[in-house]
Amino acid sequence: MPRFSTPQKRLLAAMLFYKQEGLCAYCRKFIRLSYWPPDRIRHDAATIEHLRRRADGGKDTFDNTCLVCRQCNVGRGVVDWLTYCSWIRKEF
């Protein structure tokens, strides 16, 4: 399956930002949606995350993506999204 193009990514990010009310899907902190390059390296920068990683057979579909802050995106690594979400919210 082809990956998202840049216009598709921007539309997807905007839709997810609205759907998630501007909050990271994992830690529930506010995220910054910006296309300005210096903003994209901030810890609270919005990044598109695949819930089921492509390496594990996940698809590039709307229902397999969410917006997370850069800090959570980097921190998740190879952990399952639900496990990481519970861990980061201190639900264990």
C-alpha atoms as a PDB file:
ATOM      1  CA  MET A   1       0.000   0.000   0.000  1.00  0.00           C
ATOM      2  CA  PRO A   2       1.389   3.458  -0.869  1.00  0.00           C
ATOM      3  CA  ARG A   3       2.331   5.804   1.925  1.00  0.00           C
ATOM      4  CA  PHE A   4       0.519   9.081   2.547  1.00  0.00           C
ATOM      5  CA  SER A   5       1.558  12.034   0.373  1.00  0.00           C
ATOM      6  CA  THR A   6       2.352  15.368   2.043  1.00  0.00           C
ATOM      7  CA  PRO A   7      -1.093  16.924   1.345  1.00  0.00           C
ATOM      8  CA  GLN A   8      -2.758  13.744   2.621  1.00  0.00           C
ATOM      9  CA  LYS A   9      -0.615  13.833   5.783  1.00  0.00           C
ATOM     10  CA  ARG A  10      -1.561  17.438   6.462  1.00  0.00           C
ATOM     11  CA  LEU A  11      -5.264  16.714   5.990  1.00  0.00           C
ATOM     12  CA  LEU A  12      -5.016  13.598   8.154  1.00  0.00           C
ATOM     13  CA  ALA A  13      -3.166  15.520  10.875  1.00  0.00           C
ATOM     14  CA  ALA A  14      -5.794  18.279  10.859  1.00  0.00           C
ATOM     15  CA  MET A  15      -8.649  15.756  11.068  1.00  0.00           C
ATOM     16  CA  LEU A  16      -6.978  13.838  13.890  1.00  0.00           C
ATOM     17  CA  PHE A  17      -6.145  17.077  15.748  1.00  0.00           C
ATOM     18  CA  TYR A  18      -9.820  18.037  15.632  1.00  0.00           C
ATOM     19  CA  LYS A  19     -11.008  14.537  16.573  1.00  0.00           C
ATOM     20  CA  GLN A  20      -8.589  14.296  19.527  1.00  0.00           C
ATOM     21  CA  GLU A  21      -9.325  17.879  20.645  1.00  0.00           C
ATOM     22  CA  GLY A  22      -5.639  18.840  20.375  1.00  0.00           C
ATOM     23  CA  LEU A  23      -4.467  16.204  22.864  1.00  0.00           C
ATOM     24  CA  CYS A  24      -1.843  13.489  22.510  1.00  0.00           C
ATOM     25  CA  ALA A  25      -3.533  10.099  22.149  1.00  0.00           C
ATOM     26  CA  TYR A  26      -1.141   8.578  24.708  1.00  0.00           C
ATOM     27  CA  CYS A  27      -0.316  11.072  27.467  1.00  0.00           C
ATOM     28  CA  ARG A  28      -3.366  13.354  26.898  1.00  0.00           C
ATOM     29  CA  LYS A  29      -1.236  16.531  27.012  1.00  0.00           C
ATOM     30  CA  PHE A  30      -1.781  19.360  24.525  1.00  0.00           C
ATOM     31  CA  ILE A  31       0.159  19.002  21.281  1.00  0.00           C
ATOM     32  CA  ARG A  32       1.350  21.606  18.795  1.00  0.00           C
ATOM     33  CA  LEU A  33       0.200  21.152  15.194  1.00  0.00           C
ATOM     34  CA  SER A  34       2.557  23.171  13.012  1.00  0.00           C
ATOM     35  CA  TYR A  35       4.317  22.810   9.672  1.00  0.00           C
ATOM     36  CA  TRP A  36       7.045  25.318  10.521  1.00  0.00           C
ATOM     37  CA  PRO A  37      10.323  23.309  10.683  1.00  0.00           C
ATOM     38  CA  PRO A  38      11.569  24.611  14.080  1.00  0.00           C
ATOM     39  CA  ASP A  39       8.235  23.641  15.675  1.00  0.00           C
ATOM     40  CA  ARG A  40       8.431  20.078  14.362  1.00  0.00           C
ATOM     41  CA  ILE A  41      11.387  19.213  16.642  1.00  0.00           C
ATOM     42  CA  ARG A  42       9.696  20.340  19.871  1.00  0.00           C
ATOM     43  CA  HIS A  43       8.779  17.694  22.456  1.00  0.00           C
ATOM     44  CA  ASP A  44       5.091  18.632  22.108  1.00  0.00           C
ATOM     45  CA  ALA A  45       5.052  18.605  18.285  1.00  0.00           C
ATOM     46  CA  ALA A  46       2.199  16.594  16.765  1.00  0.00           C
ATOM     47  CA  THR A  47       3.316  13.471  14.911  1.00  0.00           C
ATOM     48  CA  ILE A  48       1.221  10.894  13.102  1.00  0.00           C
ATOM     49  CA  GLU A  49       1.537   7.521  14.801  1.00  0.00           C
ATOM     50  CA  HIS A  50       0.462   4.126  13.522  1.00  0.00           C
ATOM     51  CA  LEU A  51      -1.344   2.253  16.288  1.00  0.00           C
ATOM     52  CA  ARG A  52      -0.365  -1.059  14.778  1.00  0.00           C
ATOM     53  CA  ARG A  53       3.138  -0.487  13.449  1.00  0.00           C
ATOM     54  CA  ARG A  54       3.726  -1.019   9.730  1.00  0.00           C
ATOM     55  CA  ALA A  55       6.547  -3.401  10.695  1.00  0.00           C
ATOM     56  CA  ASP A  56       3.888  -5.553  12.396  1.00  0.00           C
ATOM     57  CA  GLY A  57       1.532  -5.469   9.405  1.00  0.00           C
ATOM     58  CA  GLY A  58      -0.299  -2.205  10.152  1.00  0.00           C
ATOM     59  CA  LYS A  59      -1.812  -0.242   7.278  1.00  0.00           C
ATOM     60  CA  ASP A  60      -1.761   3.419   6.291  1.00  0.00           C
ATOM     61  CA  THR A  61      -5.431   3.959   7.093  1.00  0.00           C
ATOM     62  CA  PHE A  62      -7.336   6.563   9.103  1.00  0.00           C
ATOM     63  CA  ASP A  63      -8.445   4.023  11.707  1.00  0.00           C
ATOM     64  CA  ASN A  64      -4.849   2.862  12.303  1.00  0.00           C
ATOM     65  CA  THR A  65      -3.431   6.343  12.948  1.00  0.00           C
ATOM     66  CA  CYS A  66      -3.541   8.905  15.732  1.00  0.00           C
ATOM     67  CA  LEU A  67      -1.692  12.080  16.684  1.00  0.00           C
ATOM     68  CA  VAL A  68       0.835  11.883  19.491  1.00  0.00           C
ATOM     69  CA  CYS A  69       3.464  14.237  20.828  1.00  0.00           C
ATOM     70  CA  ARG A  70       7.030  13.685  19.629  1.00  0.00           C
ATOM     71  CA  GLN A  71       8.084  12.619  23.118  1.00  0.00           C
ATOM     72  CA  CYS A  72       5.530   9.756  23.178  1.00  0.00           C
ATOM     73  CA  ASN A  73       6.277   8.789  19.578  1.00  0.00           C
ATOM     74  CA  VAL A  74       9.973   8.373  20.364  1.00  0.00           C
ATOM     75  CA  GLY A  75       9.305   6.781  23.752  1.00  0.00           C
ATOM     76  CA  ARG A  76       6.968   4.077  22.504  1.00  0.00           C
ATOM     77  CA  GLY A  77       9.590   2.197  20.515  1.00  0.00           C
ATOM     78  CA  VAL A  78       8.409  -1.365  19.758  1.00  0.00           C
ATOM     79  CA  VAL A  79       5.887  -1.562  22.617  1.00  0.00           C
ATOM     80  CA  ASP A  80       2.237  -2.245  21.746  1.00  0.00           C
ATOM     81  CA  TRP A  81       0.242   1.007  21.657  1.00  0.00           C
ATOM     82  CA  LEU A  82      -2.268  -0.048  24.309  1.00  0.00           C
ATOM     83  CA  THR A  83       0.448  -1.173  26.725  1.00  0.00           C
ATOM     84  CA  TYR A  84       2.397   2.053  26.189  1.00  0.00           C
ATOM     85  CA  CYS A  85      -0.748   4.161  26.610  1.00  0.00           C
ATOM     86  CA  SER A  86      -1.545   2.476  29.935  1.00  0.00           C
ATOM     87  CA  TRP A  87       2.058   2.795  31.106  1.00  0.00           C
ATOM     88  CA  ILE A  88       2.422   6.494  30.208  1.00  0.00           C
ATOM     89  CA  ARG A  89      -0.893   7.317  31.967  1.00  0.00           C
ATOM     90  CA  LYS A  90       0.270   5.368  35.056  1.00  0.00           C
ATOM     91  CA  GLU A  91      -2.685   2.972  34.898  1.00  0.00           C
ATOM     92  CA  PHE A  92      -0.550  -0.024  35.882  1.00  0.00           C
END
